[in-house]
Amino acid sequence: MEIKIGADELILWLRKNKKAENVTTKQLGLKILNSIEDLGGKLIEHDKPCSWNTKAISETIDEFNLPKTASQYILDSHKLDNLYCDLSSW
């Protein structure tokens, strides 16, 4: 079964788990693209606006926090473990 997953979700996970703290959002986006493609996933949408549920949105969107827009991917759901294992090593 394939799932749709956004780079924004993955970047949020990375930031919440203190991974890649000194890496820009743009750099993370490129690494995420490479990881997903390595797992056979595909880019389906680029620069989709993110919907963050926060009152202080202007404080949370910047190059070292959360993205304003993000790419969307399709990935085999059985490969999510591999994806998160890869992200954990950043």
PDB file of N, CA and C in Angstrom:
ATOM      1  N   MET A   1       0.842  -1.181   0.000  1.00  0.00           N
ATOM      2  CA  MET A   1       0.000   0.000   0.000  1.00  0.00           C
ATOM      3  C   MET A   1       0.889   1.247   0.000  1.00  0.00           C
ATOM      4  N   GLU A   2       0.560   2.196  -0.835  1.00  0.00           N
ATOM      5  CA  GLU A   2       1.301   3.454  -0.884  1.00  0.00           C
ATOM      6  C   GLU A   2       0.627   4.499   0.002  1.00  0.00           C
ATOM      7  N   ILE A   3       1.469   5.362   0.568  1.00  0.00           N
ATOM      8  CA  ILE A   3       0.956   6.473   1.362  1.00  0.00           C
ATOM      9  C   ILE A   3       1.513   7.770   0.808  1.00  0.00           C
ATOM     10  N   LYS A   4       0.816   8.846   1.092  1.00  0.00           N
ATOM     11  CA  LYS A   4       1.299  10.174   0.745  1.00  0.00           C
ATOM     12  C   LYS A   4       1.904  10.771   2.009  1.00  0.00           C
ATOM     13  N   ILE A   5       3.129  11.258   1.879  1.00  0.00           N
ATOM     14  CA  ILE A   5       3.811  11.866   3.024  1.00  0.00           C
ATOM     15  C   ILE A   5       4.511  13.136   2.557  1.00  0.00           C
ATOM     16  N   GLY A   6       4.481  14.146   3.399  1.00  0.00           N
ATOM     17  CA  GLY A   6       5.086  15.420   3.040  1.00  0.00           C
ATOM     18  C   GLY A   6       6.420  15.639   3.730  1.00  0.00           C
ATOM     19  N   ALA A   7       7.294  16.358   3.063  1.00  0.00           N
ATOM     20  CA  ALA A   7       8.576  16.717   3.665  1.00  0.00           C
ATOM     21  C   ALA A   7       8.356  17.540   4.937  1.00  0.00           C
ATOM     22  N   ASP A   8       7.249  18.294   4.987  1.00  0.00           N
ATOM     23  CA  ASP A   8       6.954  19.090   6.176  1.00  0.00           C
ATOM     24  C   ASP A   8       6.778  18.207   7.408  1.00  0.00           C
ATOM     25  N   GLU A   9       6.094  17.069   7.250  1.00  0.00           N
ATOM     26  CA  GLU A   9       5.908  16.140   8.363  1.00  0.00           C
ATOM     27  C   GLU A   9       7.249  15.591   8.837  1.00  0.00           C
ATOM     28  N   LEU A  10       8.098  15.270   7.886  1.00  0.00           N
ATOM     29  CA  LEU A  10       9.394  14.699   8.216  1.00  0.00           C
ATOM     30  C   LEU A  10      10.318  15.740   8.852  1.00  0.00           C
ATOM     31  N   ILE A  11      10.252  16.962   8.364  1.00  0.00           N
ATOM     32  CA  ILE A  11      11.055  18.045   8.948  1.00  0.00           C
ATOM     33  C   ILE A  11      10.582  18.335  10.368  1.00  0.00           C
ATOM     34  N   LEU A  12       9.266  18.338  10.584  1.00  0.00           N
ATOM     35  CA  LEU A  12       8.739  18.529  11.937  1.00  0.00           C
ATOM     36  C   LEU A  12       9.267  17.431  12.861  1.00  0.00           C
ATOM     37  N   TRP A  13       9.234  16.188  12.405  1.00  0.00           N
ATOM     38  CA  TRP A  13       9.738  15.069  13.209  1.00  0.00           C
ATOM     39  C   TRP A  13      11.218  15.267  13.536  1.00  0.00           C
ATOM     40  N   LEU A  14      11.997  15.651  12.524  1.00  0.00           N
ATOM     41  CA  LEU A  14      13.427  15.886  12.745  1.00  0.00           C
ATOM     42  C   LEU A  14      13.651  16.990  13.773  1.00  0.00           C
ATOM     43  N   ARG A  15      12.938  18.090  13.638  1.00  0.00           N
ATOM     44  CA  ARG A  15      13.116  19.227  14.553  1.00  0.00           C
ATOM     45  C   ARG A  15      12.680  18.850  15.975  1.00  0.00           C
ATOM     46  N   LYS A  16      11.559  18.145  16.112  1.00  0.00           N
ATOM     47  CA  LYS A  16      11.062  17.751  17.431  1.00  0.00           C
ATOM     48  C   LYS A  16      12.004  16.785  18.134  1.00  0.00           C
ATOM     49  N   ASN A  17      12.715  15.988  17.355  1.00  0.00           N
ATOM     50  CA  ASN A  17      13.604  14.982  17.910  1.00  0.00           C
ATOM     51  C   ASN A  17      15.066  15.415  17.913  1.00  0.00           C
ATOM     52  N   LYS A  18      15.285  16.715  17.730  1.00  0.00           N
ATOM     53  CA  LYS A  18      16.622  17.314  17.813  1.00  0.00           C
ATOM     54  C   LYS A  18      17.618  16.690  16.838  1.00  0.00           C
ATOM     55  N   LYS A  19      17.146  16.324  15.668  1.00  0.00           N
ATOM     56  CA  LYS A  19      18.002  15.791  14.610  1.00  0.00           C
ATOM     57  C   LYS A  19      18.310  16.912  13.627  1.00  0.00           C
ATOM     58  N   ALA A  20      19.497  16.927  13.100  1.00  0.00           N
ATOM     59  CA  ALA A  20      19.871  17.885  12.055  1.00  0.00           C
ATOM     60  C   ALA A  20      19.575  19.326  12.476  1.00  0.00           C
ATOM     61  N   GLU A  21      19.919  19.657  13.704  1.00  0.00           N
ATOM     62  CA  GLU A  21      19.598  20.986  14.241  1.00  0.00           C
ATOM     63  C   GLU A  21      20.283  22.130  13.503  1.00  0.00           C
ATOM     64  N   ASN A  22      21.457  21.913  12.996  1.00  0.00           N
ATOM     65  CA  ASN A  22      22.183  22.983  12.311  1.00  0.00           C
ATOM     66  C   ASN A  22      22.112  22.849  10.800  1.00  0.00           C
ATOM     67  N   VAL A  23      21.062  22.220  10.333  1.00  0.00           N
ATOM     68  CA  VAL A  23      20.860  21.995   8.902  1.00  0.00           C
ATOM     69  C   VAL A  23      19.659  22.826   8.472  1.00  0.00           C
ATOM     70  N   THR A  24      19.784  23.536   7.358  1.00  0.00           N
ATOM     71  CA  THR A  24      18.667  24.369   6.898  1.00  0.00           C
ATOM     72  C   THR A  24      17.531  23.497   6.385  1.00  0.00           C
ATOM     73  N   THR A  25      16.355  24.081   6.347  1.00  0.00           N
ATOM     74  CA  THR A  25      15.187  23.389   5.829  1.00  0.00           C
ATOM     75  C   THR A  25      15.402  22.974   4.374  1.00  0.00           C
ATOM     76  N   LYS A  26      16.018  23.833   3.594  1.00  0.00           N
ATOM     77  CA  LYS A  26      16.280  23.506   2.191  1.00  0.00           C
ATOM     78  C   LYS A  26      17.207  22.292   2.081  1.00  0.00           C
ATOM     79  N   GLN A  27      18.254  22.251   2.902  1.00  0.00           N
ATOM     80  CA  GLN A  27      19.157  21.101   2.894  1.00  0.00           C
ATOM     81  C   GLN A  27      18.433  19.828   3.319  1.00  0.00           C
ATOM     82  N   LEU A  28      17.577  19.939   4.330  1.00  0.00           N
ATOM     83  CA  LEU A  28      16.799  18.779   4.768  1.00  0.00           C
ATOM     84  C   LEU A  28      15.884  18.296   3.650  1.00  0.00           C
ATOM     85  N   GLY A  29      15.264  19.240   2.947  1.00  0.00           N
ATOM     86  CA  GLY A  29      14.382  18.871   1.846  1.00  0.00           C
ATOM     87  C   GLY A  29      15.098  18.053   0.784  1.00  0.00           C
ATOM     88  N   LEU A  30      16.322  18.442   0.460  1.00  0.00           N
ATOM     89  CA  LEU A  30      17.104  17.692  -0.531  1.00  0.00           C
ATOM     90  C   LEU A  30      17.483  16.310  -0.021  1.00  0.00           C
ATOM     91  N   LYS A  31      17.852  16.223   1.265  1.00  0.00           N
ATOM     92  CA  LYS A  31      18.187  14.918   1.846  1.00  0.00           C
ATOM     93  C   LYS A  31      16.954  14.016   1.903  1.00  0.00           C
ATOM     94  N   ILE A  32      15.812  14.595   2.234  1.00  0.00           N
ATOM     95  CA  ILE A  32      14.568  13.822   2.278  1.00  0.00           C
ATOM     96  C   ILE A  32      14.233  13.304   0.887  1.00  0.00           C
ATOM     97  N   LEU A  33      14.344  14.157  -0.119  1.00  0.00           N
ATOM     98  CA  LEU A  33      14.099  13.735  -1.500  1.00  0.00           C
ATOM     99  C   LEU A  33      14.983  12.543  -1.859  1.00  0.00           C
ATOM    100  N   ASN A  34      16.272  12.637  -1.558  1.00  0.00           N
ATOM    101  CA  ASN A  34      17.187  11.544  -1.876  1.00  0.00           C
ATOM    102  C   ASN A  34      16.820  10.268  -1.129  1.00  0.00           C
ATOM    103  N   SER A  35      16.479  10.381   0.144  1.00  0.00           N
ATOM    104  CA  SER A  35      16.121   9.205   0.936  1.00  0.00           C
ATOM    105  C   SER A  35      14.869   8.529   0.398  1.00  0.00           C
ATOM    106  N   ILE A  36      13.873   9.333   0.075  1.00  0.00           N
ATOM    107  CA  ILE A  36      12.619   8.768  -0.436  1.00  0.00           C
ATOM    108  C   ILE A  36      12.834   8.127  -1.798  1.00  0.00           C
ATOM    109  N   GLU A  37      13.587   8.778  -2.656  1.00  0.00           N
ATOM    110  CA  GLU A  37      13.861   8.186  -3.971  1.00  0.00           C
ATOM    111  C   GLU A  37      14.686   6.906  -3.836  1.00  0.00           C
ATOM    112  N   ASP A  38      15.631   6.864  -2.886  1.00  0.00           N
ATOM    113  CA  ASP A  38      16.413   5.652  -2.651  1.00  0.00           C
ATOM    114  C   ASP A  38      15.524   4.489  -2.220  1.00  0.00           C
ATOM    115  N   LEU A  39      14.398   4.807  -1.594  1.00  0.00           N
ATOM    116  CA  LEU A  39      13.461   3.775  -1.142  1.00  0.00           C
ATOM    117  C   LEU A  39      12.377   3.477  -2.182  1.00  0.00           C
ATOM    118  N   GLY A  40      12.506   4.063  -3.373  1.00  0.00           N
ATOM    119  CA  GLY A  40      11.551   3.811  -4.442  1.00  0.00           C
ATOM    120  C   GLY A  40      10.348   4.736  -4.451  1.00  0.00           C
ATOM    121  N   GLY A  41      10.367   5.760  -3.594  1.00  0.00           N
ATOM    122  CA  GLY A  41       9.270   6.717  -3.555  1.00  0.00           C
ATOM    123  C   GLY A  41       9.371   7.719  -4.685  1.00  0.00           C
ATOM    124  N   LYS A  42       8.286   8.483  -4.863  1.00  0.00           N
ATOM    125  CA  LYS A  42       8.224   9.447  -5.962  1.00  0.00           C
ATOM    126  C   LYS A  42       7.703  10.797  -5.479  1.00  0.00           C
ATOM    127  N   LEU A  43       8.289  11.853  -6.028  1.00  0.00           N
ATOM    128  CA  LEU A  43       7.810  13.206  -5.812  1.00  0.00           C
ATOM    129  C   LEU A  43       6.510  13.381  -6.591  1.00  0.00           C
ATOM    130  N   ILE A  44       5.460  13.867  -5.916  1.00  0.00           N
ATOM    131  CA  ILE A  44       4.191  14.073  -6.618  1.00  0.00           C
ATOM    132  C   ILE A  44       3.759  15.537  -6.640  1.00  0.00           C
ATOM    133  N   GLU A  45       4.338  16.353  -5.746  1.00  0.00           N
ATOM    134  CA  GLU A  45       3.969  17.774  -5.708  1.00  0.00           C
ATOM    135  C   GLU A  45       5.111  18.550  -5.069  1.00  0.00           C
ATOM    136  N   HIS A  46       5.382  19.721  -5.608  1.00  0.00           N
ATOM    137  CA  HIS A  46       6.474  20.549  -5.104  1.00  0.00           C
ATOM    138  C   HIS A  46       5.916  21.890  -4.622  1.00  0.00           C
ATOM    139  N   ASP A  47       6.465  22.408  -3.553  1.00  0.00           N
ATOM    140  CA  ASP A  47       6.086  23.725  -3.011  1.00  0.00           C
ATOM    141  C   ASP A  47       4.622  23.838  -2.606  1.00  0.00           C
ATOM    142  N   LYS A  48       4.083  22.794  -2.005  1.00  0.00           N
ATOM    143  CA  LYS A  48       2.718  22.872  -1.477  1.00  0.00           C
ATOM    144  C   LYS A  48       2.757  23.655  -0.159  1.00  0.00           C
ATOM    145  N   PRO A  49       1.885  24.655   0.009  1.00  0.00           N
ATOM    146  CA  PRO A  49       1.870  25.419   1.258  1.00  0.00           C
ATOM    147  C   PRO A  49       1.599  24.517   2.467  1.00  0.00           C
ATOM    148  N   CYS A  50       2.322  24.766   3.538  1.00  0.00           N
ATOM    149  CA  CYS A  50       2.152  23.993   4.764  1.00  0.00           C
ATOM    150  C   CYS A  50       1.048  24.612   5.619  1.00  0.00           C
ATOM    151  N   SER A  51       0.381  23.787   6.385  1.00  0.00           N
ATOM    152  CA  SER A  51      -0.673  24.251   7.288  1.00  0.00           C
ATOM    153  C   SER A  51      -0.264  23.933   8.716  1.00  0.00           C
ATOM    154  N   TRP A  52       0.377  24.871   9.352  1.00  0.00           N
ATOM    155  CA  TRP A  52       0.799  24.672  10.730  1.00  0.00           C
ATOM    156  C   TRP A  52      -0.242  25.262  11.660  1.00  0.00           C
ATOM    157  N   ASN A  53      -0.625  24.512  12.662  1.00  0.00           N
ATOM    158  CA  ASN A  53      -1.630  24.949  13.623  1.00  0.00           C
ATOM    159  C   ASN A  53      -0.920  25.625  14.803  1.00  0.00           C
ATOM    160  N   THR A  54      -0.624  26.892  14.620  1.00  0.00           N
ATOM    161  CA  THR A  54       0.055  27.646  15.673  1.00  0.00           C
ATOM    162  C   THR A  54      -0.290  29.120  15.566  1.00  0.00           C
ATOM    163  N   LYS A  55      -0.357  29.773  16.683  1.00  0.00           N
ATOM    164  CA  LYS A  55      -0.645  31.209  16.699  1.00  0.00           C
ATOM    165  C   LYS A  55       0.588  32.034  16.352  1.00  0.00           C
ATOM    166  N   ALA A  56       1.759  31.512  16.690  1.00  0.00           N
ATOM    167  CA  ALA A  56       3.001  32.250  16.468  1.00  0.00           C
ATOM    168  C   ALA A  56       3.707  31.732  15.215  1.00  0.00           C
ATOM    169  N   ILE A  57       2.959  31.588  14.148  1.00  0.00           N
ATOM    170  CA  ILE A  57       3.497  30.985  12.924  1.00  0.00           C
ATOM    171  C   ILE A  57       4.725  31.722  12.404  1.00  0.00           C
ATOM    172  N   SER A  58       4.754  33.027  12.517  1.00  0.00           N
ATOM    173  CA  SER A  58       5.903  33.771  11.999  1.00  0.00           C
ATOM    174  C   SER A  58       7.184  33.432  12.759  1.00  0.00           C
ATOM    175  N   GLU A  59       7.060  32.962  13.984  1.00  0.00           N
ATOM    176  CA  GLU A  59       8.228  32.596  14.778  1.00  0.00           C
ATOM    177  C   GLU A  59       8.692  31.167  14.498  1.00  0.00           C
ATOM    178  N   THR A  60       7.847  30.349  13.907  1.00  0.00           N
ATOM    179  CA  THR A  60       8.192  28.947  13.706  1.00  0.00           C
ATOM    180  C   THR A  60       8.646  28.631  12.292  1.00  0.00           C
ATOM    181  N   ILE A  61       8.417  29.534  11.357  1.00  0.00           N
ATOM    182  CA  ILE A  61       8.831  29.295   9.978  1.00  0.00           C
ATOM    183  C   ILE A  61      10.100  30.076   9.698  1.00  0.00           C
ATOM    184  N   ASP A  62      11.194  29.340   9.538  1.00  0.00           N
ATOM    185  CA  ASP A  62      12.456  29.929   9.114  1.00  0.00           C
ATOM    186  C   ASP A  62      13.363  28.807   8.650  1.00  0.00           C
ATOM    187  N   GLU A  63      14.532  29.145   8.191  1.00  0.00           N
ATOM    188  CA  GLU A  63      15.393  28.141   7.562  1.00  0.00           C
ATOM    189  C   GLU A  63      15.908  27.082   8.523  1.00  0.00           C
ATOM    190  N   PHE A  64      15.839  27.327   9.835  1.00  0.00           N
ATOM    191  CA  PHE A  64      16.285  26.330  10.803  1.00  0.00           C
ATOM    192  C   PHE A  64      15.139  25.837  11.678  1.00  0.00           C
ATOM    193  N   ASN A  65      13.902  25.980  11.211  1.00  0.00           N
ATOM    194  CA  ASN A  65      12.754  25.515  11.973  1.00  0.00           C
ATOM    195  C   ASN A  65      11.805  24.787  11.032  1.00  0.00           C
ATOM    196  N   LEU A  66      10.633  25.329  10.775  1.00  0.00           N
ATOM    197  CA  LEU A  66       9.650  24.664   9.924  1.00  0.00           C
ATOM    198  C   LEU A  66       9.533  25.346   8.562  1.00  0.00           C
ATOM    199  N   PRO A  67       9.190  24.579   7.536  1.00  0.00           N
ATOM    200  CA  PRO A  67       9.082  25.145   6.192  1.00  0.00           C
ATOM    201  C   PRO A  67       7.750  25.857   5.953  1.00  0.00           C
ATOM    202  N   LYS A  68       7.772  26.791   5.027  1.00  0.00           N
ATOM    203  CA  LYS A  68       6.553  27.483   4.596  1.00  0.00           C
ATOM    204  C   LYS A  68       5.833  26.647   3.532  1.00  0.00           C
ATOM    205  N   THR A  69       6.629  25.995   2.686  1.00  0.00           N
ATOM    206  CA  THR A  69       6.095  25.086   1.667  1.00  0.00           C
ATOM    207  C   THR A  69       6.906  23.794   1.726  1.00  0.00           C
ATOM    208  N   ALA A  70       6.330  22.727   1.187  1.00  0.00           N
ATOM    209  CA  ALA A  70       7.041  21.444   1.211  1.00  0.00           C
ATOM    210  C   ALA A  70       6.596  20.559   0.062  1.00  0.00           C
ATOM    211  N   SER A  71       7.484  19.668  -0.311  1.00  0.00           N
ATOM    212  CA  SER A  71       7.173  18.683  -1.350  1.00  0.00           C
ATOM    213  C   SER A  71       6.360  17.543  -0.742  1.00  0.00           C
ATOM    214  N   GLN A  72       5.591  16.891  -1.594  1.00  0.00           N
ATOM    215  CA  GLN A  72       4.780  15.749  -1.192  1.00  0.00           C
ATOM    216  C   GLN A  72       5.253  14.533  -1.985  1.00  0.00           C
ATOM    217  N   TYR A  73       5.219  13.378  -1.336  1.00  0.00           N
ATOM    218  CA  TYR A  73       5.718  12.150  -1.943  1.00  0.00           C
ATOM    219  C   TYR A  73       4.734  11.008  -1.786  1.00  0.00           C
ATOM    220  N   ILE A  74       4.908  10.006  -2.632  1.00  0.00           N
ATOM    221  CA  ILE A  74       4.232   8.726  -2.458  1.00  0.00           C
ATOM    222  C   ILE A  74       5.321   7.707  -2.160  1.00  0.00           C
ATOM    223  N   LEU A  75       5.076   6.880  -1.136  1.00  0.00           N
ATOM    224  CA  LEU A  75       6.046   5.887  -0.701  1.00  0.00           C
ATOM    225  C   LEU A  75       5.312   4.637  -0.245  1.00  0.00           C
ATOM    226  N   ASP A  76       5.886   3.492  -0.521  1.00  0.00           N
ATOM    227  CA  ASP A  76       5.330   2.225  -0.032  1.00  0.00           C
ATOM    228  C   ASP A  76       5.335   2.267   1.497  1.00  0.00           C
ATOM    229  N   SER A  77       4.195   2.031   2.114  1.00  0.00           N
ATOM    230  CA  SER A  77       4.082   2.140   3.571  1.00  0.00           C
ATOM    231  C   SER A  77       5.000   1.160   4.304  1.00  0.00           C
ATOM    232  N   HIS A  78       5.358   0.066   3.674  1.00  0.00           N
ATOM    233  CA  HIS A  78       6.262  -0.905   4.295  1.00  0.00           C
ATOM    234  C   HIS A  78       7.690  -0.368   4.415  1.00  0.00           C
ATOM    235  N   LYS A  79       7.975   0.741   3.770  1.00  0.00           N
ATOM    236  CA  LYS A  79       9.317   1.318   3.803  1.00  0.00           C
ATOM    237  C   LYS A  79       9.445   2.481   4.786  1.00  0.00           C
ATOM    238  N   LEU A  80       8.368   2.764   5.525  1.00  0.00           N
ATOM    239  CA  LEU A  80       8.424   3.853   6.502  1.00  0.00           C
ATOM    240  C   LEU A  80       9.465   3.605   7.585  1.00  0.00           C
ATOM    241  N   ASP A  81       9.579   2.358   8.044  1.00  0.00           N
ATOM    242  CA  ASP A  81      10.601   2.046   9.051  1.00  0.00           C
ATOM    243  C   ASP A  81      11.985   2.402   8.537  1.00  0.00           C
ATOM    244  N   ASN A  82      12.257   2.043   7.292  1.00  0.00           N
ATOM    245  CA  ASN A  82      13.558   2.357   6.696  1.00  0.00           C
ATOM    246  C   ASN A  82      13.777   3.860   6.613  1.00  0.00           C
ATOM    247  N   LEU A  83      12.725   4.583   6.240  1.00  0.00           N
ATOM    248  CA  LEU A  83      12.835   6.033   6.125  1.00  0.00           C
ATOM    249  C   LEU A  83      13.159   6.658   7.478  1.00  0.00           C
ATOM    250  N   TYR A  84      12.422   6.273   8.520  1.00  0.00           N
ATOM    251  CA  TYR A  84      12.666   6.860   9.837  1.00  0.00           C
ATOM    252  C   TYR A  84      13.994   6.411  10.435  1.00  0.00           C
ATOM    253  N   CYS A  85      14.455   5.215  10.114  1.00  0.00           N
ATOM    254  CA  CYS A  85      15.790   4.791  10.548  1.00  0.00           C
ATOM    255  C   CYS A  85      16.849   5.687   9.897  1.00  0.00           C
ATOM    256  N   ASP A  86      16.665   5.983   8.620  1.00  0.00           N
ATOM    257  CA  ASP A  86      17.594   6.878   7.934  1.00  0.00           C
ATOM    258  C   ASP A  86      17.561   8.272   8.558  1.00  0.00           C
ATOM    259  N   LEU A  87      16.359   8.804   8.779  1.00  0.00           N
ATOM    260  CA  LEU A  87      16.232  10.134   9.371  1.00  0.00           C
ATOM    261  C   LEU A  87      16.864  10.182  10.765  1.00  0.00           C
ATOM    262  N   SER A  88      16.752   9.102  11.510  1.00  0.00           N
ATOM    263  CA  SER A  88      17.304   9.060  12.870  1.00  0.00           C
ATOM    264  C   SER A  88      18.813   9.206  12.886  1.00  0.00           C
ATOM    265  N   SER A  89      19.463   8.863  11.780  1.00  0.00           N
ATOM    266  CA  SER A  89      20.918   8.936  11.739  1.00  0.00           C
ATOM    267  C   SER A  89      21.434  10.331  11.388  1.00  0.00           C
ATOM    268  N   TRP A  90      20.549  11.274  11.103  1.00  0.00           N
ATOM    269  CA  TRP A  90      20.963  12.621  10.728  1.00  0.00           C
ATOM    270  C   TRP A  90      21.297  13.365  11.977  1.00  0.00           C
TER     271      TRP A  90
END
